[in-house]
C-alpha atoms as a PDB file:
ATOM      1  CA  MET A   1     112.069 103.910  97.433  1.00  0.00           C
ATOM      2  CA  LEU A   2     109.399 102.148  99.466  1.00  0.00           C
ATOM      3  CA  ASN A   3     109.317  99.207 101.827  1.00  0.00           C
ATOM      4  CA  ILE A   4     106.059  97.300 101.347  1.00  0.00           C
ATOM      5  CA  TYR A   5     105.331  94.663 103.939  1.00  0.00           C
ATOM      6  CA  VAL A   6     103.307  91.684 102.706  1.00  0.00           C
ATOM      7  CA  CYS A   7     101.972  88.554 104.418  1.00  0.00           C
ATOM      8  CA  GLU A   8     104.160  86.539 106.764  1.00  0.00           C
ATOM      9  CA  ALA A   9     106.246  84.089 104.741  1.00  0.00           C
ATOM     10  CA  HIS A  10     106.827  81.605 107.547  1.00  0.00           C
ATOM     11  CA  ALA A  11     104.068  82.383 110.020  1.00  0.00           C
ATOM     12  CA  ALA A  12     104.051  80.422 113.281  1.00  0.00           C
ATOM     13  CA  ASP A  13     100.606  79.044 112.389  1.00  0.00           C
ATOM     14  CA  ASP A  14     101.515  78.260 108.772  1.00  0.00           C
ATOM     15  CA  VAL A  15     102.730  75.100 107.030  1.00  0.00           C
ATOM     16  CA  PHE A  16     106.426  76.047 107.113  1.00  0.00           C
ATOM     17  CA  PRO A  17     107.257  77.932 110.336  1.00  0.00           C
ATOM     18  CA  LEU A  18     110.967  78.525 110.917  1.00  0.00           C
ATOM     19  CA  ASN A  19     112.756  77.634 114.133  1.00  0.00           C
ATOM     20  CA  SER A  20     115.193  80.478 113.417  1.00  0.00           C
ATOM     21  CA  ASN A  21     112.316  82.973 113.558  1.00  0.00           C
ATOM     22  CA  ARG A  22     111.436  81.723 117.030  1.00  0.00           C
ATOM     23  CA  GLU A  23     115.094  81.905 118.091  1.00  0.00           C
ATOM     24  CA  ASP A  24     115.361  85.474 116.744  1.00  0.00           C
ATOM     25  CA  GLY A  25     112.146  86.581 118.464  1.00  0.00           C
ATOM     26  CA  ILE A  26     110.292  87.230 115.197  1.00  0.00           C
ATOM     27  CA  ASP A  27     107.880  84.299 115.241  1.00  0.00           C
ATOM     28  CA  TYR A  28     104.392  85.622 114.408  1.00  0.00           C
ATOM     29  CA  ALA A  29     101.068  84.095 113.485  1.00  0.00           C
ATOM     30  CA  GLN A  30      99.636  85.222 110.141  1.00  0.00           C
ATOM     31  CA  PRO A  31      98.007  88.607 110.868  1.00  0.00           C
ATOM     32  CA  THR A  32      94.262  88.844 110.300  1.00  0.00           C
ATOM     33  CA  THR A  33      93.881  92.611 110.705  1.00  0.00           C
ATOM     34  CA  VAL A  34      95.657  95.673 109.343  1.00  0.00           C
ATOM     35  CA  SER A  35      96.708  96.723 112.855  1.00  0.00           C
ATOM     36  CA  GLN A  36      98.349  93.314 113.436  1.00  0.00           C
ATOM     37  CA  ARG A  37     100.151  93.512 110.081  1.00  0.00           C
ATOM     38  CA  LEU A  38     101.362  97.034 110.862  1.00  0.00           C
ATOM     39  CA  SER A  39     102.656  95.968 114.275  1.00  0.00           C
ATOM     40  CA  ILE A  40     104.577  93.042 112.761  1.00  0.00           C
ATOM     41  CA  ALA A  41     105.903  95.229 109.934  1.00  0.00           C
ATOM     42  CA  ASN A  42     107.254  97.739 112.450  1.00  0.00           C
ATOM     43  CA  ASP A  43     108.851  94.926 114.456  1.00  0.00           C
ATOM     44  CA  MET A  44     110.496  93.611 111.282  1.00  0.00           C
ATOM     45  CA  LYS A  45     111.815  97.051 110.388  1.00  0.00           C
ATOM     46  CA  THR A  46     113.382  97.238 113.856  1.00  0.00           C
ATOM     47  CA  TYR A  47     114.770  93.700 113.496  1.00  0.00           C
ATOM     48  CA  TRP A  48     116.359  94.428 110.105  1.00  0.00           C
ATOM     49  CA  SER A  49     117.860  97.660 111.426  1.00  0.00           C
ATOM     50  CA  LYS A  50     119.734  95.571 114.012  1.00  0.00           C
ATOM     51  CA  VAL A  51     120.730  92.780 111.606  1.00  0.00           C
ATOM     52  CA  ASN A  52     121.894  95.112 108.813  1.00  0.00           C
ATOM     53  CA  GLN A  53     123.057  98.044 110.947  1.00  0.00           C
ATOM     54  CA  GLU A  54     125.527  99.639 108.532  1.00  0.00           C
ATOM     55  CA  THR A  55     123.387  99.389 105.393  1.00  0.00           C
ATOM     56  CA  TYR A  56     120.244 100.292 107.297  1.00  0.00           C
ATOM     57  CA  ASP A  57     121.708 103.415 108.880  1.00  0.00           C
ATOM     58  CA  SER A  58     123.193 104.755 105.672  1.00  0.00           C
ATOM     59  CA  THR A  59     120.449 103.907 103.190  1.00  0.00           C
ATOM     60  CA  LEU A  60     117.264 102.319 104.486  1.00  0.00           C
ATOM     61  CA  ARG A  61     116.344 104.176 107.673  1.00  0.00           C
ATOM     62  CA  ASP A  62     114.100 106.796 106.082  1.00  0.00           C
ATOM     63  CA  ILE A  63     112.322 104.580 103.548  1.00  0.00           C
ATOM     64  CA  PRO A  64     108.545 104.746 104.095  1.00  0.00           C
ATOM     65  CA  LEU A  65     106.892 101.549 105.301  1.00  0.00           C
ATOM     66  CA  LEU A  66     103.680 100.589 103.511  1.00  0.00           C
ATOM     67  CA  LEU A  67     101.471  97.515 103.838  1.00  0.00           C
ATOM     68  CA  ASP A  68     100.024  95.156 101.276  1.00  0.00           C
ATOM     69  CA  GLY A  69      96.255  94.835 101.667  1.00  0.00           C
ATOM     70  CA  MET A  70      94.839  92.020 103.741  1.00  0.00           C
ATOM     71  CA  ASP A  71      93.859  90.332 100.462  1.00  0.00           C
ATOM     72  CA  ASN A  72      97.632  90.096  99.686  1.00  0.00           C
ATOM     73  CA  THR A  73      97.275  91.592  96.209  1.00  0.00           C
ATOM     74  CA  LEU A  74     100.959  92.545  95.860  1.00  0.00           C
ATOM     75  CA  ALA A  75     102.313  89.333  97.339  1.00  0.00           C
ATOM     76  CA  LYS A  76     100.228  87.310  94.881  1.00  0.00           C
ATOM     77  CA  ALA A  77     100.843  89.501  91.835  1.00  0.00           C
ATOM     78  CA  TYR A  78     104.615  89.753  92.240  1.00  0.00           C
ATOM     79  CA  GLU A  79     105.476  86.557  94.114  1.00  0.00           C
ATOM     80  CA  ALA A  80     106.887  88.820  96.792  1.00  0.00           C
ATOM     81  CA  ARG A  81     106.810  86.298  99.624  1.00  0.00           C
ATOM     82  CA  PRO A  82     108.990  85.872 101.651  1.00  0.00           C
ATOM     83  CA  LEU A  83     111.089  88.769 100.383  1.00  0.00           C
ATOM     84  CA  ARG A  84     111.522  90.366  96.986  1.00  0.00           C
ATOM     85  CA  MET A  85     113.164  93.583  95.875  1.00  0.00           C
ATOM     86  CA  PHE A  86     111.967  95.656  92.940  1.00  0.00           C
ATOM     87  CA  VAL A  87     113.017  98.917  91.384  1.00  0.00           C
ATOM     88  CA  VAL A  88     110.185 100.550  89.445  1.00  0.00           C
ATOM     89  CA  ASP A  89     110.951 103.215  86.849  1.00  0.00           C
ATOM     90  CA  ALA A  90     108.783 106.163  87.933  1.00  0.00           C
ATOM     91  CA  ARG A  91     108.554 107.465  84.361  1.00  0.00           C
ATOM     92  CA  THR A  92     107.199 104.288  82.818  1.00  0.00           C
ATOM     93  CA  MET A  93     105.857 102.555  85.959  1.00  0.00           C
ATOM     94  CA  LYS A  94     107.559  99.364  84.758  1.00  0.00           C
ATOM     95  CA  ILE A  95     109.797  97.110  86.791  1.00  0.00           C
ATOM     96  CA  ALA A  96     113.392  98.062  85.990  1.00  0.00           C
ATOM     97  CA  TYR A  97     115.005  95.612  88.407  1.00  0.00           C
ATOM     98  CA  LEU A  98     113.664  92.427  89.974  1.00  0.00           C
ATOM     99  CA  SER A  99     115.643  90.444  92.493  1.00  0.00           C
ATOM    100  CA  GLY A 100     115.328  86.744  92.989  1.00  0.00           C
ATOM    101  CA  VAL A 101     113.153  85.495  95.807  1.00  0.00           C
ATOM    102  CA  GLY A 102     114.803  86.165  99.161  1.00  0.00           C
ATOM    103  CA  PRO A 103     116.398  85.614 101.406  1.00  0.00           C
ATOM    104  CA  PHE A 104     118.906  83.628  99.325  1.00  0.00           C
ATOM    105  CA  GLN A 105     118.382  84.845  95.751  1.00  0.00           C
ATOM    106  CA  HIS A 106     118.925  88.549  96.165  1.00  0.00           C
ATOM    107  CA  ASP A 107     121.661  90.891  97.224  1.00  0.00           C
ATOM    108  CA  LEU A 108     120.706  94.105  99.015  1.00  0.00           C
ATOM    109  CA  ASP A 109     123.932  95.830  97.953  1.00  0.00           C
ATOM    110  CA  GLU A 110     123.234  94.950  94.300  1.00  0.00           C
ATOM    111  CA  VAL A 111     119.712  96.395  94.532  1.00  0.00           C
ATOM    112  CA  LEU A 112     120.965  99.592  96.162  1.00  0.00           C
ATOM    113  CA  GLU A 113     123.746  99.938  93.573  1.00  0.00           C
ATOM    114  CA  PHE A 114     121.213  99.550  90.753  1.00  0.00           C
ATOM    115  CA  PHE A 115     118.857 102.042  92.384  1.00  0.00           C
ATOM    116  CA  GLN A 116     121.564 104.636  92.994  1.00  0.00           C
ATOM    117  CA  LYS A 117     123.045 104.289  89.501  1.00  0.00           C
ATOM    118  CA  HIS A 118     119.692 104.637  87.761  1.00  0.00           C
ATOM    119  CA  SER A 119     118.288 107.353  90.016  1.00  0.00           C
ATOM    120  CA  LYS A 120     121.189 109.609  88.992  1.00  0.00           C
ATOM    121  CA  THR A 121     120.330 109.206  85.315  1.00  0.00           C
ATOM    122  CA  SER A 122     116.631 109.989  85.772  1.00  0.00           C
END
């Protein structure tokens, strides 16, 4: 399982910034360098660990954090912005599970259940 951070969905300098991001202390301009993207990605990982404490501690804490390239290849190819969850079958390299676009059209528990069920049968 991997966590791949892509471009900011509601960047402070974008068309649709969110007041809730500002209120939550996660209001960032669109990064223009890899080091900026990495810094924001690490902040988001910390933020989600606080918001989803129980799930994060039991399941997500040790998932490696990777970054999409600055050309946003993954975000564009998979419509991964603002948040999307995939399970890729390692044998076939095909998407076995695709959530709806987050944050409202996916369920973290459903994704984890799918992942755990299918990883046991692999």
